[in-house]
Amino acid sequence: MFRSGLRTTALAAVAAAGVAASPSAAYAQQYEATSVATGRSVVAGMGHFVYDEPGTVGHRIWFGVHAVATADGSAYGQFRYRHELPDGTLVGQGRADVTCLKVSGNVAVFTAIVPEGQGTVKNHGYYVKIIDDGRGRDQIVDAQAQNGTEPPPTHCLDPETDLPPGLPQRPRYPILIGGYTVHGAEVTDARHRARP
């Protein structure tokens, strides 16, 4: 079910107007205030990165997410993706429903499942880790499950530590354009208030 190499990295993200800038300070403060006031954890933003793994060197990936985890542990939200070849040819794009979100400090791990009947891949799930670096470049780690006979797992899987044995280590990629805001329900961090 989990794939490696080109198949694992056939992930994509949002390429939409307004992606070129990181979330503004006001945007970050809005999510921080919401997460503290409601007891919810939040990850939101859009970002672009480029793969450098064998078989996918130069592939351009866009990810957009707005996900919320409530105090009772449930999660909801949307994940958007776009994957382009180095020459700009579209490989795939679409959306997935967030089924799990865990936030610890400045790190968010979430799972998003592509609704059945969308796209050409069956039983398609994304497993994403976002490291919000405040004023620096955010980082992202991703993996996917696809074309298995059973639906993919909907619980949170950290793509750096929780993938099945035998799969290669997933690399961290710097976000080149855009960025993400990560806020846990119980902790605020002053560096987010000053984020440009």
Protein backbone atom coordinates (compact mmCIF):
# COMPACT_ATOMS: atom_id res chain seq x y z
CA MET A 1 0.00 0.00 0.00
CA PHE A 2 2.74 2.54 0.88
CA ARG A 3 4.88 3.30 -2.10
CA SER A 4 8.48 4.46 -2.38
CA GLY A 5 10.46 6.37 -4.96
CA LEU A 6 8.44 8.07 -7.67
CA ARG A 7 5.22 6.42 -6.55
CA THR A 8 5.57 7.61 -2.95
CA THR A 9 6.45 11.06 -4.08
CA ALA A 10 3.62 11.40 -6.56
CA LEU A 11 2.20 13.94 -4.17
CA ALA A 12 1.03 17.39 -5.13
CA ALA A 13 -0.24 20.64 -3.73
CA VAL A 14 -2.20 23.77 -4.32
CA ALA A 15 -1.09 26.20 -6.97
CA ALA A 16 -3.51 29.05 -6.44
CA ALA A 17 -3.39 32.82 -6.43
CA GLY A 18 -1.83 34.19 -3.27
CA VAL A 19 0.42 31.21 -2.63
CA ALA A 20 3.58 33.21 -3.23
CA ALA A 21 3.69 34.74 0.26
CA SER A 22 3.93 33.20 3.72
CA PRO A 23 0.96 33.62 6.03
CA SER A 24 1.02 37.16 7.35
CA ALA A 25 1.43 38.08 11.01
CA ALA A 26 -2.31 38.83 11.18
CA TYR A 27 -3.07 35.41 9.67
CA ALA A 28 -0.84 33.69 12.23
CA GLN A 29 -2.33 35.67 15.12
CA GLN A 30 -5.86 34.78 13.98
CA TYR A 31 -5.13 31.05 14.20
CA GLU A 32 -3.22 31.41 17.45
CA ALA A 33 -6.12 33.28 19.08
CA THR A 34 -8.65 30.78 17.72
CA SER A 35 -6.70 27.74 18.90
CA VAL A 36 -6.20 29.12 22.42
CA ALA A 37 -9.77 30.40 22.81
CA THR A 38 -11.45 27.22 21.56
CA GLY A 39 -9.06 24.53 22.79
CA ARG A 40 -8.31 23.52 19.20
CA SER A 41 -5.07 22.86 17.37
CA VAL A 42 -4.67 24.32 13.90
CA VAL A 43 -2.39 23.98 10.87
CA ALA A 44 -3.00 26.29 7.91
CA GLY A 45 -1.14 27.59 4.89
CA MET A 46 0.11 26.88 1.41
CA GLY A 47 3.61 26.02 0.30
CA HIS A 48 5.74 24.97 -2.64
CA PHE A 49 8.77 22.68 -2.63
CA VAL A 50 10.78 20.68 -5.16
CA TYR A 51 11.67 16.99 -4.93
CA ASP A 52 15.27 15.89 -5.35
CA GLU A 53 14.89 12.11 -5.02
CA PRO A 54 15.81 9.67 -7.81
CA GLY A 55 13.00 9.55 -10.35
CA THR A 56 11.46 12.83 -9.16
CA VAL A 57 14.31 15.33 -9.32
CA GLY A 58 12.86 18.74 -10.07
CA HIS A 59 9.21 17.75 -9.62
CA ARG A 60 7.34 20.77 -8.27
CA ILE A 61 4.87 20.18 -5.43
CA TRP A 62 2.26 22.52 -3.92
CA PHE A 63 0.38 21.66 -0.72
CA GLY A 64 -2.39 23.68 0.89
CA VAL A 65 -4.03 22.75 4.16
CA HIS A 66 -6.48 24.10 6.70
CA ALA A 67 -7.02 21.55 9.45
CA VAL A 68 -8.37 21.71 12.99
CA ALA A 69 -8.18 19.19 15.85
CA THR A 70 -10.79 19.66 18.56
CA ALA A 71 -10.38 19.12 22.29
CA ASP A 72 -12.08 15.70 21.99
CA GLY A 73 -9.42 14.51 19.51
CA SER A 74 -11.50 14.66 16.33
CA ALA A 75 -10.10 16.45 13.29
CA TYR A 76 -11.47 18.02 10.15
CA GLY A 77 -10.26 20.15 7.28
CA GLN A 78 -9.18 20.18 3.66
CA PHE A 79 -5.89 19.35 2.00
CA ARG A 80 -5.19 20.47 -1.58
CA TYR A 81 -2.36 19.28 -3.77
CA ARG A 82 -0.74 19.88 -7.13
CA HIS A 83 2.18 17.99 -8.69
CA GLU A 84 4.04 19.23 -11.77
CA LEU A 85 6.97 17.87 -13.74
CA PRO A 86 10.06 20.11 -14.04
CA ASP A 87 8.72 21.46 -17.36
CA GLY A 88 5.40 22.44 -15.71
CA THR A 89 3.36 19.53 -17.07
CA LEU A 90 0.60 18.66 -14.62
CA VAL A 91 0.87 15.18 -13.09
CA GLY A 92 -2.05 15.44 -10.68
CA GLN A 93 -4.10 17.76 -8.52
CA GLY A 94 -7.08 17.54 -6.24
CA ARG A 95 -8.26 17.57 -2.66
CA ALA A 96 -8.39 15.25 0.31
CA ASP A 97 -10.28 15.30 3.61
CA VAL A 98 -8.24 15.64 6.81
CA THR A 99 -8.99 12.72 9.15
CA CYS A 100 -6.35 13.25 11.84
CA LEU A 101 -4.23 16.14 13.16
CA LYS A 102 -1.70 16.14 15.99
CA VAL A 103 0.22 19.25 16.99
CA SER A 104 3.23 19.34 19.28
CA GLY A 105 4.91 22.72 19.62
CA ASN A 106 5.67 23.95 16.12
CA VAL A 107 5.14 20.54 14.45
CA ALA A 108 1.91 19.31 12.88
CA VAL A 109 1.34 15.75 11.66
CA PHE A 110 -1.83 15.08 9.71
CA THR A 111 -3.52 12.52 7.50
CA ALA A 112 -5.73 13.37 4.53
CA ILE A 113 -7.73 10.85 2.51
CA VAL A 114 -8.80 11.43 -1.09
CA PRO A 115 -12.55 10.75 -1.33
CA GLU A 116 -13.37 7.59 -3.25
CA GLY A 117 -14.16 8.30 -6.89
CA GLN A 118 -11.90 11.34 -7.15
CA GLY A 119 -8.81 11.08 -9.29
CA THR A 120 -7.40 7.98 -10.91
CA VAL A 121 -5.78 6.40 -7.84
CA LYS A 122 -7.71 4.06 -5.52
CA ASN A 123 -7.44 4.11 -1.74
CA HIS A 124 -5.25 7.20 -1.73
CA GLY A 125 -3.99 8.71 1.52
CA TYR A 126 -1.49 11.47 2.34
CA TYR A 127 0.65 11.51 5.49
CA VAL A 128 2.28 14.89 6.08
CA LYS A 129 4.51 16.49 8.70
CA ILE A 130 4.95 20.28 8.75
CA ILE A 131 7.61 22.01 10.80
CA ASP A 132 6.69 25.69 11.26
CA ASP A 133 9.99 27.55 11.52
CA GLY A 134 8.48 30.89 12.52
CA ARG A 135 10.61 33.46 10.69
CA GLY A 136 12.71 30.95 8.72
CA ARG A 137 11.84 28.40 6.07
CA ASP A 138 9.24 25.87 7.09
CA GLN A 139 9.95 22.21 6.31
CA ILE A 140 7.73 19.41 5.10
CA VAL A 141 7.93 15.61 5.02
CA ASP A 142 5.39 13.59 3.06
CA ALA A 143 4.41 10.05 2.14
CA GLN A 144 1.37 8.44 0.61
CA ALA A 145 -0.52 5.19 0.39
CA GLN A 146 -2.25 4.28 -2.85
CA ASN A 147 -3.81 1.48 -4.86
CA GLY A 148 -4.07 -0.93 -1.94
CA THR A 149 -6.94 -3.39 -1.72
CA GLU A 150 -8.08 -1.83 1.56
CA PRO A 151 -8.74 1.82 2.40
CA PRO A 152 -5.59 3.59 3.68
CA PRO A 153 -5.12 4.27 7.40
CA THR A 154 -6.97 7.37 8.60
CA HIS A 155 -5.04 7.85 11.85
CA CYS A 156 -1.98 10.10 12.09
CA LEU A 157 1.28 8.61 10.83
CA ASP A 158 4.50 10.60 11.08
CA PRO A 159 6.17 10.05 7.68
CA GLU A 160 9.61 10.23 9.34
CA THR A 161 9.00 7.60 12.02
CA ASP A 162 5.77 5.65 11.48
CA LEU A 163 5.99 4.14 7.99
CA PRO A 164 6.17 0.37 7.56
CA PRO A 165 9.61 -1.23 7.91
CA GLY A 166 11.69 -1.49 4.75
CA LEU A 167 10.61 1.80 3.22
CA PRO A 168 13.32 4.39 2.66
CA GLN A 169 13.61 7.34 5.05
CA ARG A 170 11.50 10.25 3.84
CA PRO A 171 13.50 13.47 3.42
CA ARG A 172 12.62 16.90 4.79
CA TYR A 173 12.10 19.55 2.14
CA PRO A 174 12.34 23.32 2.70
CA ILE A 175 9.32 25.35 1.67
CA LEU A 176 10.52 27.64 -1.12
CA ILE A 177 7.38 29.72 -1.60
CA GLY A 178 4.58 30.18 0.93
CA GLY A 179 4.50 28.77 4.43
CA TYR A 180 2.43 27.27 7.20
CA THR A 181 1.16 28.30 10.61
CA VAL A 182 1.01 25.62 13.33
CA HIS A 183 -0.68 26.28 16.68
CA GLY A 184 -1.43 23.87 19.48
CA ALA A 185 -4.44 24.36 21.70
CA GLU A 186 -2.54 24.68 24.95
CA VAL A 187 0.67 26.48 24.00
CA THR A 188 1.31 29.81 22.33
CA ASP A 189 4.64 30.89 20.97
CA ALA A 190 5.70 34.55 20.73
CA ARG A 191 7.68 33.95 17.54
CA HIS A 192 4.40 33.47 15.62
CA ARG A 193 3.24 36.95 16.60
CA ALA A 194 6.18 38.51 14.81
CA ARG A 195 6.05 36.35 11.69
CA PRO A 196 6.30 38.46 8.53
